C-alpha cells in the first residue's frame, strides 16, 4: 500500500511541476512575441491572467507542502538534540573553570 501511495504522490508532484513549467513557458512566449491585443476582452490576456493566478496558487501549495514535509524532520532533530544534551548542561564559565593556555 505504501508503494502505491508513494507512486501517486510522485505522479501528482510531476503533474504539478509539468503544469508550472508549461504555464511559465507560455507566459514567456507571449511576452517575447507580443500578440495583437484586441482590447479589454482579449482572450490571450485573460488566459495569461488565469495562468498567473494558477501559478501563484501552486506556489503557495508547494510552499505549504515543503513546510509540512520538513516539519516532522525538524521536530525529530530537535528532540534528538534535546536527548543528546543533558538537562543540566553548563558551560565552563558557569562552572568557573579557568581555561589558561
C-alpha atoms as a PDB file:
ATOM      1  CA  UNK A   1       0.000   0.000   0.000  1.00  0.00           C
ATOM      2  CA  UNK A   2       2.828   2.419   0.755  1.00  0.00           C
ATOM      3  CA  UNK A   3       4.388   1.899  -2.680  1.00  0.00           C
ATOM      4  CA  UNK A   4       1.090   2.790  -4.319  1.00  0.00           C
ATOM      5  CA  UNK A   5       0.713   5.947  -2.230  1.00  0.00           C
ATOM      6  CA  UNK A   6       4.292   6.942  -2.942  1.00  0.00           C
ATOM      7  CA  UNK A   7       3.733   6.428  -6.680  1.00  0.00           C
ATOM      8  CA  UNK A   8       0.543   8.527  -6.595  1.00  0.00           C
ATOM      9  CA  UNK A   9       2.335  11.286  -4.671  1.00  0.00           C
ATOM     10  CA  UNK A  10       5.225  11.299  -7.131  1.00  0.00           C
ATOM     11  CA  UNK A  11       2.819  11.378 -10.083  1.00  0.00           C
ATOM     12  CA  UNK A  12       0.964  14.354  -8.585  1.00  0.00           C
ATOM     13  CA  UNK A  13       4.250  16.190  -7.970  1.00  0.00           C
ATOM     14  CA  UNK A  14       5.338  15.510 -11.533  1.00  0.00           C
ATOM     15  CA  UNK A  15       1.985  16.750 -12.870  1.00  0.00           C
ATOM     16  CA  UNK A  16       2.198  19.945 -10.792  1.00  0.00           C
ATOM     17  CA  UNK A  17       5.754  20.544 -11.974  1.00  0.00           C
ATOM     18  CA  UNK A  18       4.731  19.970 -15.589  1.00  0.00           C
ATOM     19  CA  UNK A  19       1.829  22.422 -15.276  1.00  0.00           C
ATOM     20  CA  UNK A  20       4.113  25.052 -13.742  1.00  0.00           C
ATOM     21  CA  UNK A  21       6.747  24.625 -16.463  1.00  0.00           C
ATOM     22  CA  UNK A  22       4.268  24.736 -19.342  1.00  0.00           C
ATOM     23  CA  UNK A  23       2.488  27.743 -17.847  1.00  0.00           C
ATOM     24  CA  UNK A  24       5.744  29.605 -17.356  1.00  0.00           C
ATOM     25  CA  UNK A  25       6.836  28.754 -20.901  1.00  0.00           C
ATOM     26  CA  UNK A  26       3.534  30.065 -22.280  1.00  0.00           C
ATOM     27  CA  UNK A  27       3.865  33.344 -20.399  1.00  0.00           C
ATOM     28  CA  UNK A  28       7.483  33.708 -21.543  1.00  0.00           C
ATOM     29  CA  UNK A  29       6.470  33.021 -25.152  1.00  0.00           C
ATOM     30  CA  UNK A  30       3.659  35.574 -25.088  1.00  0.00           C
ATOM     31  CA  UNK A  31       5.823  38.257 -23.519  1.00  0.00           C
ATOM     32  CA  UNK A  32       8.650  37.667 -26.013  1.00  0.00           C
ATOM     33  CA  UNK A  33       6.301  37.726 -29.024  1.00  0.00           C
ATOM     34  CA  UNK A  34       3.514  40.197 -28.305  1.00  0.00           C
ATOM     35  CA  UNK A  35       0.122  39.257 -29.684  1.00  0.00           C
ATOM     36  CA  UNK A  36      -2.379  41.529 -31.380  1.00  0.00           C
ATOM     37  CA  UNK A  37      -4.352  42.556 -28.304  1.00  0.00           C
ATOM     38  CA  UNK A  38      -7.951  43.396 -29.154  1.00  0.00           C
ATOM     39  CA  UNK A  39      -8.583  45.423 -26.029  1.00  0.00           C
ATOM     40  CA  UNK A  40     -10.429  44.742 -22.818  1.00  0.00           C
ATOM     41  CA  UNK A  41     -11.876  41.326 -23.695  1.00  0.00           C
ATOM     42  CA  UNK A  42      -8.700  39.849 -25.164  1.00  0.00           C
ATOM     43  CA  UNK A  43      -8.786  36.054 -24.662  1.00  0.00           C
ATOM     44  CA  UNK A  44      -4.981  35.760 -24.648  1.00  0.00           C
ATOM     45  CA  UNK A  45      -4.629  38.400 -21.923  1.00  0.00           C
ATOM     46  CA  UNK A  46      -7.378  36.724 -19.883  1.00  0.00           C
ATOM     47  CA  UNK A  47      -5.655  33.358 -20.260  1.00  0.00           C
ATOM     48  CA  UNK A  48      -2.335  34.853 -19.126  1.00  0.00           C
ATOM     49  CA  UNK A  49      -4.069  36.271 -16.040  1.00  0.00           C
ATOM     50  CA  UNK A  50      -5.566  32.843 -15.287  1.00  0.00           C
ATOM     51  CA  UNK A  51      -2.175  31.174 -15.721  1.00  0.00           C
ATOM     52  CA  UNK A  52      -0.523  33.685 -13.389  1.00  0.00           C
ATOM     53  CA  UNK A  53      -3.245  33.100 -10.788  1.00  0.00           C
ATOM     54  CA  UNK A  54      -2.802  29.333 -11.022  1.00  0.00           C
ATOM     55  CA  UNK A  55       0.980  29.682 -10.698  1.00  0.00           C
ATOM     56  CA  UNK A  56       0.537  31.776  -7.560  1.00  0.00           C
ATOM     57  CA  UNK A  57      -1.830  29.161  -6.128  1.00  0.00           C
ATOM     58  CA  UNK A  58       0.508  26.293  -6.995  1.00  0.00           C
ATOM     59  CA  UNK A  59       3.477  28.084  -5.493  1.00  0.00           C
ATOM     60  CA  UNK A  60       1.569  28.584  -2.226  1.00  0.00           C
ATOM     61  CA  UNK A  61       0.616  24.904  -2.239  1.00  0.00           C
ATOM     62  CA  UNK A  62       4.226  23.887  -2.834  1.00  0.00           C
ATOM     63  CA  UNK A  63       5.459  26.102  -0.007  1.00  0.00           C
ATOM     64  CA  UNK A  64       2.858  24.600   2.321  1.00  0.00           C
ATOM     65  CA  UNK A  65       3.865  21.076   1.290  1.00  0.00           C
ATOM     66  CA  UNK A  66       7.521  21.863   1.900  1.00  0.00           C
ATOM     67  CA  UNK A  67       6.789  23.332   5.316  1.00  0.00           C
ATOM     68  CA  UNK A  68       4.625  20.408   6.389  1.00  0.00           C
ATOM     69  CA  UNK A  69       7.020  17.938   4.796  1.00  0.00           C
ATOM     70  CA  UNK A  70      10.037  19.218   6.698  1.00  0.00           C
ATOM     71  CA  UNK A  71       8.239  19.899   9.976  1.00  0.00           C
ATOM     72  CA  UNK A  72       8.443  16.261  11.194  1.00  0.00           C
ATOM     73  CA  UNK A  73      12.147  16.150  10.300  1.00  0.00           C
ATOM     74  CA  UNK A  74      12.841  19.365  12.194  1.00  0.00           C
ATOM     75  CA  UNK A  75      10.837  18.114  15.149  1.00  0.00           C
ATOM     76  CA  UNK A  76      12.722  14.808  15.190  1.00  0.00           C
ATOM     77  CA  UNK A  77      16.058  16.653  15.033  1.00  0.00           C
ATOM     78  CA  UNK A  78      15.043  18.956  17.866  1.00  0.00           C
ATOM     79  CA  UNK A  79      14.121  16.026  20.085  1.00  0.00           C
ATOM     80  CA  UNK A  80      17.330  14.204  19.145  1.00  0.00           C
ATOM     81  CA  UNK A  81      19.358  17.274  20.128  1.00  0.00           C
ATOM     82  CA  UNK A  82      17.440  17.621  23.389  1.00  0.00           C
ATOM     83  CA  UNK A  83      18.117  13.972  24.202  1.00  0.00           C
ATOM     84  CA  UNK A  84      21.825  14.312  23.403  1.00  0.00           C
ATOM     85  CA  UNK A  85      22.319  17.399  25.573  1.00  0.00           C
ATOM     86  CA  UNK A  86      21.875  16.697  29.288  1.00  0.00           C
ATOM     87  CA  UNK A  87      19.342  18.735  31.217  1.00  0.00           C
ATOM     88  CA  UNK A  88      21.989  20.220  33.499  1.00  0.00           C
ATOM     89  CA  UNK A  89      24.123  21.436  30.610  1.00  0.00           C
ATOM     90  CA  UNK A  90      26.511  24.095  31.812  1.00  0.00           C
ATOM     91  CA  UNK A  91      29.416  25.931  30.301  1.00  0.00           C
ATOM     92  CA  UNK A  92      32.939  26.111  31.679  1.00  0.00           C
ATOM     93  CA  UNK A  93      32.272  29.747  32.529  1.00  0.00           C
ATOM     94  CA  UNK A  94      29.203  28.750  34.590  1.00  0.00           C
ATOM     95  CA  UNK A  95      31.340  26.172  36.410  1.00  0.00           C
ATOM     96  CA  UNK A  96      34.040  28.847  36.996  1.00  0.00           C
ATOM     97  CA  UNK A  97      36.768  26.865  35.269  1.00  0.00           C
ATOM     98  CA  UNK A  98      39.749  28.841  34.041  1.00  0.00           C
ATOM     99  CA  UNK A  99      40.980  27.882  30.598  1.00  0.00           C
ATOM    100  CA  UNK A 100      44.575  29.074  30.576  1.00  0.00           C
ATOM    101  CA  UNK A 101      46.932  28.268  27.750  1.00  0.00           C
END
